[in-house]
Every structure is written in C-alpha cells, then in structure tokens.
Amino acid sequence: MLGEIGQKYEERLREIKKLRSKSTLEEMRENQKKRASKLPEDAEKTLLNIKGVETEKITFPNSRSSSALVYIHGGGFKNGYASNGYWLCTQIARNLGMTIYGINYSLAPEDTYPAAFMDCVKVWRKLLEWGVDPGESSIIGTSAGGTIALSLSLWCRDHGIYLPSSLILSSPYIGEGIEPTQYQIDNDAILDYRTGEKYEYYITADCDDPYAYPVLGDYFGFPFVALFASEKEILKNHSDKLDEILNRDGILHSYFIDKDLWHAFLNSNVPENEKYVAKVIEIIKENYQVKGASL
C-alpha cells in the first residue's frame, strides 16, 4: 500500500495523463522538459555530440571514466529526454563511481525505426572506442528505452560487439499481440490503451524484425538482465513474456513485480521505490566483469 508521498505522486501522474490526452506533441515534449529533475550540486554535466547524437555526460568526484551507466529514456518513442532519468541514475552512479551517459536519441514521427536504436548503438560503440570497460558498465532502459536497450543489445551481440555486464529494464515494450488485462487498462496511471494502435516509430519496421520487436529474438550470449514491472500497468504482460523468453534461453536474470507502483516506476522518487533502486545498485555491482559479456 502506498504511503502519503506515493499516493500524491500517483495522483499527479494521473493528472498528467489527462493533460497529455489534450496536448499536442510539441506541448507534451515541452512539459516533459519542465518536469525533469535537477542534478545534485556535486554533479558535473557536459553535452556531447557523439556521431550526431546528443548525449549528456554526468560525472561525480568519484566517477571512473572506465565505468559507464548508459541511460535510455522512455516516452513512446516520440517524447522524453535523458534528463528524465537524472534522479535514478545519480543514485546509482554516485554510489558506484560510474559515469552517466544519457542519450537524447532521435524521436518519431520525425525519425522512425531504426533511428532511435541505431543512435544508441552509435553511442555505445563510441564509448567502447574511448576505453569504457563493458565489464564495469550497465545499460538502463525505461519503457520505450527498455525496448531500445534490447534492440541495441541484440544488434551488438549479432555484430560481435561487447555488451555491458548488466541490463536494467523497467517496463519495456517487446512487440505486438501481447494484450493487457482489463484490470491493467483500468488502473494504469500513465499509459492509455487503444486496441490496434501502433507506435509511429514502427511504420518503417518489418513485422518479422527482432531488432524492432524483441519478442522475436533469441537471447543467447546476453548479460545479466534485471526486469522491473508493475501489476497495474498495461505493459506488465510484456515483462511476463520477456521473463519467459529469458528462462527459455537460459539467461541469468531477476524479475521484480510491484503491486502498488506504476509503469516505469524506477524513475520515481518515492519511498516505495528505494528498495528497488538499492537492488539495481546491488545487481550492477554483483555483475561487474573483467570484459563484459560477448560472444
């Protein structure tokens, strides 16, 4: 059961959901920028242009250049910014001495598949060229960012590129035909459900492409995966299906389900989320390797 802070947070999410239904895409993007959390005073931010992809590099006094925490934001492939993950990523990076790289990838409908995930591939490959150790690094993806993290990892594995030592996924979308329950439709505080609606990002994707729809992929050679979902969100069954696939392919992973929180809750600064952030820190630390996961 949510405490007072959690209840107020959820009420605010529901208000934002109502406003979003009446807003243009430009208004949604502007409002998303305004809601970004602030960086701690001891954090230093540098804007990078990595092969045309805007990337926010954030360091703390104890940050190691060899240890990257790559953050891929959500937003239905058409909204969102790296700054959406400031609160979550700074908790992790400060604790573990990591350097944050938040990717502001290309958004739909201006740029459709495969633009977003290939932007992230470009950044990851460049970080490796700069000397980032995949064994000391992790990729976090929330919602659509979780989808992109899976796409990136499948592509890199297939092309012989080192993967990070862990993937942290919060409420990823993995493909079509995975339907929510009526309870999830009625109780999701963030996402609307419309039968038959397709994300604009996918208008240029082939229906049998596993990089577009990770439900179609195999996961042999993957690093440790930590999966987080809410009982009350319409993408919960996507996480269930991914859990099933990871079990099928023998991939070490953990699956955490919360009955009170909401879609992509890892980003939320509420007391009920503290145990999950602590678990993420523990998982990343436990899965440090010498050279990361590779073929």
Foldseek 3Di string as FASTA:
>chain_A
DADPVQVVVLVVLLVVQVVVVVDDLVVQQVVQVVPQDDADPQKDWDWDQQVNWTKIKIFGPLADLQEEEEEEEDDLQAHDFLSLQRVLVVVQCVVLRHIYIYTPWDGPPVAAPPRRLVSVLSVVVVSVVVNHFLLNYEYEAAACGLLSLLLSQVVCQVVFHFHHQEYEYFLYQAAPDQWFDPQLQVQASHDHDDPPDDRSRCPPPDRQDCSNHVLNDAQPQHHEYEYEYEPNHGSPSVSVSVVVRCVVNVYHYYYYYHHPHHGRCSSPDGPVNPVVSVVVSVVSVVRRDRHHTHD
